[in-house]
Protein backbone atom coordinates (compact mmCIF):
# COMPACT_ATOMS: atom_id res chain seq x y z
CA MET A 1 107.83 92.10 89.06
CA ASP A 2 111.38 93.36 88.44
CA SER A 3 114.61 92.49 90.23
CA SER A 4 114.18 95.35 92.72
CA PHE A 5 111.85 93.13 94.72
CA TYR A 6 111.94 89.78 96.44
CA ARG A 7 109.09 87.69 97.80
CA VAL A 8 108.74 86.66 101.43
CA GLU A 9 106.48 83.94 102.80
CA VAL A 10 104.58 85.07 105.88
CA ASP A 11 102.43 83.08 108.31
CA CYS A 12 99.35 85.01 109.42
CA PRO A 13 98.93 84.81 113.22
CA VAL A 14 95.20 85.59 112.90
CA CYS A 15 93.88 83.07 110.34
CA LYS A 16 96.93 80.74 110.38
CA GLU A 17 97.21 80.81 106.58
CA SER A 18 100.44 81.58 104.69
CA PHE A 19 100.86 84.22 102.03
CA ALA A 20 103.59 85.95 100.05
CA THR A 21 104.41 89.65 100.26
CA SER A 22 106.98 91.79 98.45
CA ARG A 23 109.97 93.62 99.86
CA VAL A 24 112.47 95.95 98.18
CA ARG A 25 116.06 94.71 98.00
CA SER A 26 118.30 96.91 100.13
CA LYS A 27 120.73 97.62 97.27
CA PHE A 28 117.88 99.33 95.42
CA CYS A 29 117.01 101.58 98.39
CA VAL A 30 119.07 104.56 97.21
CA VAL A 31 118.34 107.70 99.23
CA GLU A 32 117.81 110.84 97.19
CA SER A 33 116.90 113.32 99.94
CA ARG A 34 115.36 113.68 103.41
CA ASP A 35 112.82 116.07 104.86
CA THR A 36 113.22 117.69 108.27
CA ASP A 37 110.77 115.22 109.83
CA PHE A 38 112.86 112.28 108.53
CA CYS A 39 110.72 111.50 105.50
CA VAL A 40 113.07 109.81 103.04
CA TYR A 41 112.84 110.08 99.25
CA TYR A 42 114.38 107.31 97.18
CA LYS A 43 115.65 106.96 93.66
CA GLY A 44 113.53 104.25 92.08
CA CYS A 45 111.60 101.95 94.41
CA ASN A 46 110.30 103.36 97.67
CA PRO A 47 110.49 100.71 100.44
CA ILE A 48 107.94 102.66 102.52
CA PHE A 49 105.29 101.38 100.09
CA TYR A 50 105.95 97.84 101.35
CA GLU A 51 106.33 98.21 105.11
CA ALA A 52 102.72 97.22 105.87
CA ALA A 53 101.94 93.54 105.32
CA VAL A 54 98.35 92.48 104.59
CA CYS A 55 97.02 88.94 104.76
CA PRO A 56 94.93 88.34 101.61
CA ASN A 57 93.05 85.54 103.35
CA CYS A 58 91.57 87.38 106.34
CA GLY A 59 92.54 91.07 105.99
CA TYR A 60 94.77 91.33 109.06
CA ALA A 61 97.42 93.99 108.49
CA ALA A 62 100.36 95.37 110.47
CA LEU A 63 103.83 96.76 109.97
CA TYR A 64 106.00 93.99 108.56
CA GLY A 65 108.50 93.97 111.42
CA GLY A 66 105.82 93.30 114.03
CA PHE A 67 103.28 91.40 111.94
CA SER A 68 103.41 88.23 114.02
CA GLU A 69 103.45 90.05 117.37
CA ILE A 70 99.77 89.79 118.24
CA GLY A 71 98.36 87.99 121.23
CA PRO A 72 95.64 85.30 121.04
CA GLU A 73 92.89 87.54 122.43
CA ASP A 74 93.68 90.37 120.01
CA ALA A 75 93.98 87.93 117.10
CA LYS A 76 90.53 86.58 117.90
CA ASN A 77 89.04 90.06 118.10
CA VAL A 78 90.65 91.20 114.84
CA HIS A 79 89.42 88.08 113.05
CA ALA A 80 85.88 88.57 114.36
CA ARG A 81 85.79 92.19 113.23
CA ILE A 82 87.36 91.98 109.77
CA ALA A 83 87.26 88.45 108.34
CA GLY A 84 83.55 88.48 107.46
CA LYS A 85 83.89 91.82 105.63
CA TRP A 86 87.12 91.01 103.81
CA ASN A 87 87.04 90.76 100.02
CA GLY A 88 90.27 88.82 99.57
CA ARG A 89 92.39 91.61 98.09
CA ASP A 90 96.03 90.68 97.50
CA PHE A 91 98.71 93.30 98.28
CA GLY A 92 101.58 90.93 97.57
CA GLY A 93 102.68 92.38 94.23
CA GLU A 94 104.13 95.72 93.18
CA ARG A 95 102.23 98.56 94.85
CA SER A 96 101.06 101.94 93.69
CA ILE A 97 100.92 104.76 96.20
CA GLU A 98 97.18 104.11 96.55
CA ASP A 99 97.86 100.44 97.29
CA ALA A 100 100.41 101.46 99.93
CA LEU A 101 97.96 103.87 101.56
CA ASP A 102 95.24 101.21 101.62
CA ALA A 103 97.67 98.77 103.27
CA TYR A 104 98.51 101.34 105.96
CA LYS A 105 94.82 102.17 106.49
CA LEU A 106 94.16 98.49 107.14
CA SER A 107 97.14 98.39 109.52
CA LEU A 108 95.82 101.42 111.35
CA TYR A 109 92.36 99.91 111.66
CA CYS A 110 93.73 96.60 112.92
CA SER A 111 95.90 98.45 115.45
CA GLN A 112 92.80 100.15 116.83
CA LEU A 113 91.18 96.75 117.41
CA ARG A 114 94.11 95.55 119.50
CA LYS A 115 94.85 96.12 123.18
CA ASP A 116 98.57 95.41 122.81
CA VAL A 117 99.39 98.14 120.27
CA THR A 118 101.64 100.87 121.67
CA ALA A 119 101.77 104.57 120.85
CA ASP A 120 105.09 103.77 119.16
CA ILE A 121 103.42 101.56 116.56
CA PHE A 122 100.56 103.99 116.04
CA THR A 123 102.95 106.88 115.37
CA SER A 124 104.98 104.77 112.95
CA ILE A 125 101.88 104.08 110.86
CA CYS A 126 100.63 107.67 111.00
CA MET A 127 104.00 109.14 110.01
CA ARG A 128 104.29 106.86 107.01
CA MET A 129 100.79 107.74 105.90
CA ALA A 130 101.58 111.45 106.25
CA TRP A 131 104.71 111.00 104.12
CA LEU A 132 102.77 109.18 101.41
CA TYR A 133 100.15 111.92 101.33
CA ARG A 134 103.02 114.42 101.06
CA ILE A 135 104.27 112.58 98.00
CA LYS A 136 100.72 112.80 96.63
CA LYS A 137 100.70 116.54 97.49
CA ASP A 138 97.55 116.08 99.58
CA THR A 139 98.37 118.59 102.33
CA LYS A 140 95.08 118.21 104.17
CA GLU A 141 95.50 114.47 104.70
CA GLU A 142 99.21 114.85 105.36
CA ASN A 143 98.52 117.29 108.19
CA ARG A 144 95.74 115.11 109.58
CA PHE A 145 98.11 112.21 110.06
CA LEU A 146 100.96 114.42 111.28
CA ALA A 147 98.58 115.66 113.98
CA HIS A 148 97.70 112.07 114.99
CA ALA A 149 101.41 111.24 115.16
CA LEU A 150 102.17 114.34 117.22
CA GLU A 151 99.44 113.45 119.70
CA HIS A 152 100.96 110.03 120.31
CA TYR A 153 104.56 111.28 120.36
CA LEU A 154 103.47 113.55 123.21
CA ILE A 155 101.98 110.54 124.98
CA LEU A 156 105.30 108.72 124.66
CA TYR A 157 107.24 111.73 125.95
CA ASP A 158 104.93 112.19 128.94
CA ARG A 159 105.44 108.53 129.83
CA GLY A 160 109.20 108.87 129.59
CA ASP A 161 109.27 106.47 126.62
CA THR A 162 110.79 106.83 123.17
CA PRO A 163 109.98 105.12 119.87
CA GLU A 164 112.16 102.21 118.82
CA LYS A 165 115.55 103.36 117.45
CA MET A 166 114.96 106.91 118.65
CA ASP A 167 116.52 108.67 121.66
CA GLU A 168 114.87 111.36 123.78
CA ILE A 169 116.53 114.37 122.18
CA THR A 170 115.46 113.21 118.72
CA LEU A 171 111.90 112.69 119.96
CA ILE A 172 111.89 116.23 121.38
CA TYR A 173 113.16 117.60 118.08
CA LEU A 174 110.48 115.71 116.15
CA ILE A 175 107.73 117.02 118.42
CA GLY A 176 109.02 120.53 117.72
CA GLU A 177 109.19 119.91 113.98
CA LEU A 178 105.67 118.48 113.77
CA ASN A 179 104.39 121.48 115.69
CA ARG A 180 106.17 123.74 113.21
CA ARG A 181 104.72 121.92 110.22
CA LEU A 182 101.24 122.13 111.72
CA GLY A 183 101.53 125.87 112.31
CA ASN A 184 101.95 125.73 116.10
CA ALA A 185 104.79 128.25 116.14
CA ASP A 186 104.93 128.95 119.88
CA ASP A 187 104.94 125.25 120.77
CA ALA A 188 107.61 124.57 118.15
CA VAL A 189 109.91 127.19 119.71
CA ILE A 190 109.48 125.63 123.16
CA TRP A 191 110.42 122.16 121.93
CA PHE A 192 113.35 123.32 119.80
CA SER A 193 114.74 125.21 122.79
CA ARG A 194 114.56 121.99 124.81
CA VAL A 195 116.71 120.28 122.18
CA VAL A 196 119.40 122.96 122.38
CA SER A 197 119.53 122.79 126.19
CA HIS A 198 119.23 119.00 126.44
CA GLU A 199 121.89 117.02 128.31
CA MET A 200 122.54 114.99 125.15
CA ALA A 201 123.11 118.09 122.99
CA LYS A 202 126.88 117.57 122.68
CA GLN A 203 126.37 113.94 121.67
CA LYS A 204 123.82 114.84 118.97
CA PRO A 205 125.24 117.86 117.10
CA LEU A 206 123.23 117.11 113.93
CA ILE A 207 119.92 117.13 115.81
CA VAL A 208 120.90 120.34 117.58
CA ARG A 209 121.82 121.96 114.28
CA MET A 210 118.50 120.89 112.76
CA ALA A 211 116.65 122.29 115.78
CA ARG A 212 118.46 125.63 115.48
CA GLU A 213 117.71 125.81 111.75
CA GLN A 214 114.02 125.06 112.22
CA TRP A 215 113.88 127.46 115.18
CA SER A 216 115.16 130.15 112.82
CA VAL A 217 112.47 129.21 110.28
CA VAL A 218 109.81 129.60 112.95
CA ARG A 219 111.15 133.00 114.04
CA ASN A 220 111.12 134.24 110.45
CA THR A 221 107.56 132.98 110.03
CA ILE A 222 106.48 134.81 113.17
CA LYS A 223 108.12 138.02 111.97
CA ARG A 224 106.36 137.79 108.61
CA GLY A 225 103.06 137.03 110.31
């Protein structure tokens, strides 16, 4: 493994064993470009490949930042459902895009076995999977996971919640953008218009500009269609 990575020791809250996983050093996370749904492309190593940690001993997986945040009842349930079927695969080294997708699939499955997982966590996993499928140019799978993410973003909005590190106007924009990407033109227009008229519009000029630009894209698409 090259100098772009460093190893981190992690204690699994499910099986109580320790294991090592890899992370990308921040100085190597050089942004090349961004998509309109905040998918980031990097020069060299892509840290998104390493954001899901997987215990090689029992198969428990979750996003690295919240890996240890599982209650005793959920830990017991996850262990009962996956440990007996686990083949001991180690995700601790350098990952291919297929390795990264498998790690996220395990994280998604484990999240579905837990009662304490929020829509916020679910959307985070689904968005990252959609971005990886975009890199693979697998549009069908990309759209499938964008649709799952959109569903749970709408749940968050209806509850008056927002994902971590995201404010309401950005959430509204993202709901509009996912609708646009999924071909829901009318819904996209409604959500983009909410961004422009939002009380935070003056505080978030970049988000408003992005909403106006994507609103224009939708209008042009409608005209062509």
